[in-house]
Amino acid sequence: MTGDEQWGRLQRRRERIRAEIRRNRAGGHRIPTWVLAAVLGVVLLGWAWLILGR
């Protein structure tokens, strides 16, 4: 693989990452972040209760 091919691949990867960041910053999420955080909290509390409660 030549240096030009590697550079082109790196540039395409960087552009994909930038596009993903732009999409994430634009919002439009189907599920609000606070809902995901609350679900995660419930799961972790349930897991801790199962482990420590027995």
PDB file of N, CA and C in Angstrom:
ATOM      1  N   MET A   1       0.855  -1.169   0.000  1.00  0.00           N
ATOM      2  CA  MET A   1       0.000   0.000   0.000  1.00  0.00           C
ATOM      3  C   MET A   1       0.902   1.233   0.000  1.00  0.00           C
ATOM      4  N   THR A   2       0.610   2.144  -0.890  1.00  0.00           N
ATOM      5  CA  THR A   2       1.443   3.339  -0.997  1.00  0.00           C
ATOM      6  C   THR A   2       1.016   4.388   0.015  1.00  0.00           C
ATOM      7  N   GLY A   3       1.867   5.388   0.145  1.00  0.00           N
ATOM      8  CA  GLY A   3       1.563   6.468   1.080  1.00  0.00           C
ATOM      9  C   GLY A   3       0.310   7.226   0.687  1.00  0.00           C
ATOM     10  N   ASP A   4       0.096   7.401  -0.634  1.00  0.00           N
ATOM     11  CA  ASP A   4      -1.104   8.112  -1.099  1.00  0.00           C
ATOM     12  C   ASP A   4      -2.370   7.343  -0.762  1.00  0.00           C
ATOM     13  N   GLU A   5      -2.334   6.009  -0.884  1.00  0.00           N
ATOM     14  CA  GLU A   5      -3.509   5.195  -0.553  1.00  0.00           C
ATOM     15  C   GLU A   5      -3.823   5.279   0.934  1.00  0.00           C
ATOM     16  N   GLN A   6      -2.779   5.226   1.748  1.00  0.00           N
ATOM     17  CA  GLN A   6      -2.983   5.315   3.190  1.00  0.00           C
ATOM     18  C   GLN A   6      -3.544   6.688   3.563  1.00  0.00           C
ATOM     19  N   TRP A   7      -3.018   7.742   2.915  1.00  0.00           N
ATOM     20  CA  TRP A   7      -3.487   9.090   3.216  1.00  0.00           C
ATOM     21  C   TRP A   7      -4.954   9.247   2.819  1.00  0.00           C
ATOM     22  N   GLY A   8      -5.341   8.721   1.670  1.00  0.00           N
ATOM     23  CA  GLY A   8      -6.725   8.788   1.229  1.00  0.00           C
ATOM     24  C   GLY A   8      -7.650   8.045   2.172  1.00  0.00           C
ATOM     25  N   ARG A   9      -7.223   6.892   2.632  1.00  0.00           N
ATOM     26  CA  ARG A   9      -8.024   6.106   3.571  1.00  0.00           C
ATOM     27  C   ARG A   9      -8.195   6.870   4.885  1.00  0.00           C
ATOM     28  N   LEU A  10      -7.123   7.486   5.354  1.00  0.00           N
ATOM     29  CA  LEU A  10      -7.182   8.267   6.587  1.00  0.00           C
ATOM     30  C   LEU A  10      -8.134   9.452   6.427  1.00  0.00           C
ATOM     31  N   GLN A  11      -8.072  10.124   5.289  1.00  0.00           N
ATOM     32  CA  GLN A  11      -8.955  11.269   5.042  1.00  0.00           C
ATOM     33  C   GLN A  11     -10.419  10.839   5.010  1.00  0.00           C
ATOM     34  N   ARG A  12     -10.713   9.723   4.354  1.00  0.00           N
ATOM     35  CA  ARG A  12     -12.096   9.226   4.306  1.00  0.00           C
ATOM     36  C   ARG A  12     -12.584   8.856   5.700  1.00  0.00           C
ATOM     37  N   ARG A  13     -11.733   8.243   6.505  1.00  0.00           N
ATOM     38  CA  ARG A  13     -12.115   7.882   7.877  1.00  0.00           C
ATOM     39  C   ARG A  13     -12.399   9.137   8.697  1.00  0.00           C
ATOM     40  N   ARG A  14     -11.541  10.130   8.578  1.00  0.00           N
ATOM     41  CA  ARG A  14     -11.754  11.379   9.308  1.00  0.00           C
ATOM     42  C   ARG A  14     -13.060  12.044   8.897  1.00  0.00           C
ATOM     43  N   GLU A  15     -13.372  12.024   7.606  1.00  0.00           N
ATOM     44  CA  GLU A  15     -14.606  12.644   7.140  1.00  0.00           C
ATOM     45  C   GLU A  15     -15.828  11.881   7.649  1.00  0.00           C
ATOM     46  N   ARG A  16     -15.766  10.557   7.708  1.00  0.00           N
ATOM     47  CA  ARG A  16     -16.878   9.781   8.275  1.00  0.00           C
ATOM     48  C   ARG A  16     -17.092  10.125   9.743  1.00  0.00           C
ATOM     49  N   ILE A  17     -15.997  10.267  10.479  1.00  0.00           N
ATOM     50  CA  ILE A  17     -16.101  10.606  11.901  1.00  0.00           C
ATOM     51  C   ILE A  17     -16.688  12.000  12.059  1.00  0.00           C
ATOM     52  N   ARG A  18     -16.218  12.962  11.247  1.00  0.00           N
ATOM     53  CA  ARG A  18     -16.765  14.322  11.328  1.00  0.00           C
ATOM     54  C   ARG A  18     -18.249  14.336  11.000  1.00  0.00           C
ATOM     55  N   ALA A  19     -18.662  13.575   9.990  1.00  0.00           N
ATOM     56  CA  ALA A  19     -20.080  13.524   9.617  1.00  0.00           C
ATOM     57  C   ALA A  19     -20.912  12.934  10.752  1.00  0.00           C
ATOM     58  N   GLU A  20     -20.394  11.919  11.408  1.00  0.00           N
ATOM     59  CA  GLU A  20     -21.125  11.319  12.529  1.00  0.00           C
ATOM     60  C   GLU A  20     -21.263  12.301  13.687  1.00  0.00           C
ATOM     61  N   ILE A  21     -20.213  13.045  13.970  1.00  0.00           N
ATOM     62  CA  ILE A  21     -20.265  14.045  15.038  1.00  0.00           C
ATOM     63  C   ILE A  21     -21.289  15.119  14.695  1.00  0.00           C
ATOM     64  N   ARG A  22     -21.319  15.559  13.423  1.00  0.00           N
ATOM     65  CA  ARG A  22     -22.314  16.557  13.013  1.00  0.00           C
ATOM     66  C   ARG A  22     -23.726  16.027  13.204  1.00  0.00           C
ATOM     67  N   ARG A  23     -23.966  14.773  12.827  1.00  0.00           N
ATOM     68  CA  ARG A  23     -25.301  14.179  13.006  1.00  0.00           C
ATOM     69  C   ARG A  23     -25.667  14.114  14.485  1.00  0.00           C
ATOM     70  N   ASN A  24     -24.719  13.727  15.320  1.00  0.00           N
ATOM     71  CA  ASN A  24     -24.998  13.615  16.754  1.00  0.00           C
ATOM     72  C   ASN A  24     -25.286  14.977  17.372  1.00  0.00           C
ATOM     73  N   ARG A  25     -24.567  16.003  16.946  1.00  0.00           N
ATOM     74  CA  ARG A  25     -24.783  17.340  17.502  1.00  0.00           C
ATOM     75  C   ARG A  25     -26.096  17.942  17.026  1.00  0.00           C
ATOM     76  N   ALA A  26     -26.561  17.521  15.857  1.00  0.00           N
ATOM     77  CA  ALA A  26     -27.802  18.075  15.311  1.00  0.00           C
ATOM     78  C   ALA A  26     -29.007  17.636  16.129  1.00  0.00           C
ATOM     79  N   GLY A  27     -28.866  16.581  16.880  1.00  0.00           N
ATOM     80  CA  GLY A  27     -29.976  16.097  17.711  1.00  0.00           C
ATOM     81  C   GLY A  27     -30.876  15.180  16.907  1.00  0.00           C
ATOM     82  N   GLY A  28     -32.170  15.309  17.144  1.00  0.00           N
ATOM     83  CA  GLY A  28     -33.114  14.448  16.449  1.00  0.00           C
ATOM     84  C   GLY A  28     -33.090  13.021  16.957  1.00  0.00           C
ATOM     85  N   HIS A  29     -32.662  12.836  18.185  1.00  0.00           N
ATOM     86  CA  HIS A  29     -32.608  11.490  18.739  1.00  0.00           C
ATOM     87  C   HIS A  29     -34.026  10.977  18.972  1.00  0.00           C
ATOM     88  N   ARG A  30     -34.237   9.721  18.731  1.00  0.00           N
ATOM     89  CA  ARG A  30     -35.566   9.144  18.929  1.00  0.00           C
ATOM     90  C   ARG A  30     -35.902   9.002  20.402  1.00  0.00           C
ATOM     91  N   ILE A  31     -34.894   8.647  21.197  1.00  0.00           N
ATOM     92  CA  ILE A  31     -35.101   8.475  22.646  1.00  0.00           C
ATOM     93  C   ILE A  31     -34.233   9.517  23.350  1.00  0.00           C
ATOM     94  N   PRO A  32     -34.837  10.356  24.189  1.00  0.00           N
ATOM     95  CA  PRO A  32     -34.039  11.387  24.882  1.00  0.00           C
ATOM     96  C   PRO A  32     -32.951  10.761  25.756  1.00  0.00           C
ATOM     97  N   THR A  33     -31.872  11.484  25.897  1.00  0.00           N
ATOM     98  CA  THR A  33     -30.730  10.991  26.669  1.00  0.00           C
ATOM     99  C   THR A  33     -31.114  10.716  28.114  1.00  0.00           C
ATOM    100  N   TRP A  34     -31.963  11.562  28.691  1.00  0.00           N
ATOM    101  CA  TRP A  34     -32.329  11.363  30.091  1.00  0.00           C
ATOM    102  C   TRP A  34     -33.088  10.059  30.292  1.00  0.00           C
ATOM    103  N   VAL A  35     -33.848   9.627  29.286  1.00  0.00           N
ATOM    104  CA  VAL A  35     -34.561   8.349  29.393  1.00  0.00           C
ATOM    105  C   VAL A  35     -33.558   7.201  29.394  1.00  0.00           C
ATOM    106  N   LEU A  36     -32.579   7.283  28.511  1.00  0.00           N
ATOM    107  CA  LEU A  36     -31.546   6.241  28.473  1.00  0.00           C
ATOM    108  C   LEU A  36     -30.778   6.182  29.790  1.00  0.00           C
ATOM    109  N   ALA A  37     -30.462   7.353  30.351  1.00  0.00           N
ATOM    110  CA  ALA A  37     -29.745   7.402  31.629  1.00  0.00           C
ATOM    111  C   ALA A  37     -30.602   6.795  32.748  1.00  0.00           C
ATOM    112  N   ALA A  38     -31.900   7.094  32.740  1.00  0.00           N
ATOM    113  CA  ALA A  38     -32.788   6.546  33.774  1.00  0.00           C
ATOM    114  C   ALA A  38     -32.879   5.026  33.654  1.00  0.00           C
ATOM    115  N   VAL A  39     -32.991   4.522  32.447  1.00  0.00           N
ATOM    116  CA  VAL A  39     -33.060   3.070  32.239  1.00  0.00           C
ATOM    117  C   VAL A  39     -31.769   2.410  32.710  1.00  0.00           C
ATOM    118  N   LEU A  40     -30.645   3.018  32.379  1.00  0.00           N
ATOM    119  CA  LEU A  40     -29.361   2.480  32.820  1.00  0.00           C
ATOM    120  C   LEU A  40     -29.290   2.450  34.353  1.00  0.00           C
ATOM    121  N   GLY A  41     -29.752   3.531  34.995  1.00  0.00           N
ATOM    122  CA  GLY A  41     -29.758   3.578  36.450  1.00  0.00           C
ATOM    123  C   GLY A  41     -30.613   2.474  37.055  1.00  0.00           C
ATOM    124  N   VAL A  42     -31.792   2.238  36.485  1.00  0.00           N
ATOM    125  CA  VAL A  42     -32.675   1.180  36.988  1.00  0.00           C
ATOM    126  C   VAL A  42     -32.023  -0.185  36.820  1.00  0.00           C
ATOM    127  N   VAL A  43     -31.405  -0.406  35.688  1.00  0.00           N
ATOM    128  CA  VAL A  43     -30.746  -1.698  35.443  1.00  0.00           C
ATOM    129  C   VAL A  43     -29.617  -1.910  36.443  1.00  0.00           C
ATOM    130  N   LEU A  44     -28.807  -0.875  36.656  1.00  0.00           N
ATOM    131  CA  LEU A  44     -27.693  -1.016  37.596  1.00  0.00           C
ATOM    132  C   LEU A  44     -28.181  -1.226  39.024  1.00  0.00           C
ATOM    133  N   LEU A  45     -29.222  -0.506  39.419  1.00  0.00           N
ATOM    134  CA  LEU A  45     -29.769  -0.707  40.766  1.00  0.00           C
ATOM    135  C   LEU A  45     -30.342  -2.113  40.924  1.00  0.00           C
ATOM    136  N   GLY A  46     -31.029  -2.592  39.915  1.00  0.00           N
ATOM    137  CA  GLY A  46     -31.566  -3.956  39.967  1.00  0.00           C
ATOM    138  C   GLY A  46     -30.476  -4.988  40.051  1.00  0.00           C
ATOM    139  N   TRP A  47     -29.425  -4.786  39.282  1.00  0.00           N
ATOM    140  CA  TRP A  47     -28.290  -5.708  39.304  1.00  0.00           C
ATOM    141  C   TRP A  47     -27.627  -5.696  40.687  1.00  0.00           C
ATOM    142  N   ALA A  48     -27.426  -4.504  41.245  1.00  0.00           N
ATOM    143  CA  ALA A  48     -26.809  -4.400  42.572  1.00  0.00           C
ATOM    144  C   ALA A  48     -27.696  -5.056  43.630  1.00  0.00           C
ATOM    145  N   TRP A  49     -29.000  -4.881  43.517  1.00  0.00           N
ATOM    146  CA  TRP A  49     -29.933  -5.491  44.469  1.00  0.00           C
ATOM    147  C   TRP A  49     -29.848  -7.017  44.403  1.00  0.00           C
ATOM    148  N   LEU A  50     -29.753  -7.548  43.176  1.00  0.00           N
ATOM    149  CA  LEU A  50     -29.641  -9.007  43.035  1.00  0.00           C
ATOM    150  C   LEU A  50     -28.336  -9.530  43.630  1.00  0.00           C
ATOM    151  N   ILE A  51     -27.262  -8.813  43.405  1.00  0.00           N
ATOM    152  CA  ILE A  51     -25.953  -9.271  43.886  1.00  0.00           C
ATOM    153  C   ILE A  51     -25.831  -9.094  45.400  1.00  0.00           C
ATOM    154  N   LEU A  52     -26.183  -7.910  45.902  1.00  0.00           N
ATOM    155  CA  LEU A  52     -25.958  -7.592  47.313  1.00  0.00           C
ATOM    156  C   LEU A  52     -27.114  -7.996  48.221  1.00  0.00           C
ATOM    157  N   GLY A  53     -28.282  -8.182  47.647  1.00  0.00           N
ATOM    158  CA  GLY A  53     -29.447  -8.462  48.462  1.00  0.00           C
ATOM    159  C   GLY A  53     -29.586  -9.908  48.873  1.00  0.00           C
ATOM    160  N   ARG A  54     -28.781 -10.768  48.335  1.00  0.00           N
ATOM    161  CA  ARG A  54     -28.922 -12.204  48.640  1.00  0.00           C
ATOM    162  C   ARG A  54     -27.877 -12.690  49.588  1.00  0.00           C
TER     163      ARG A  54
END
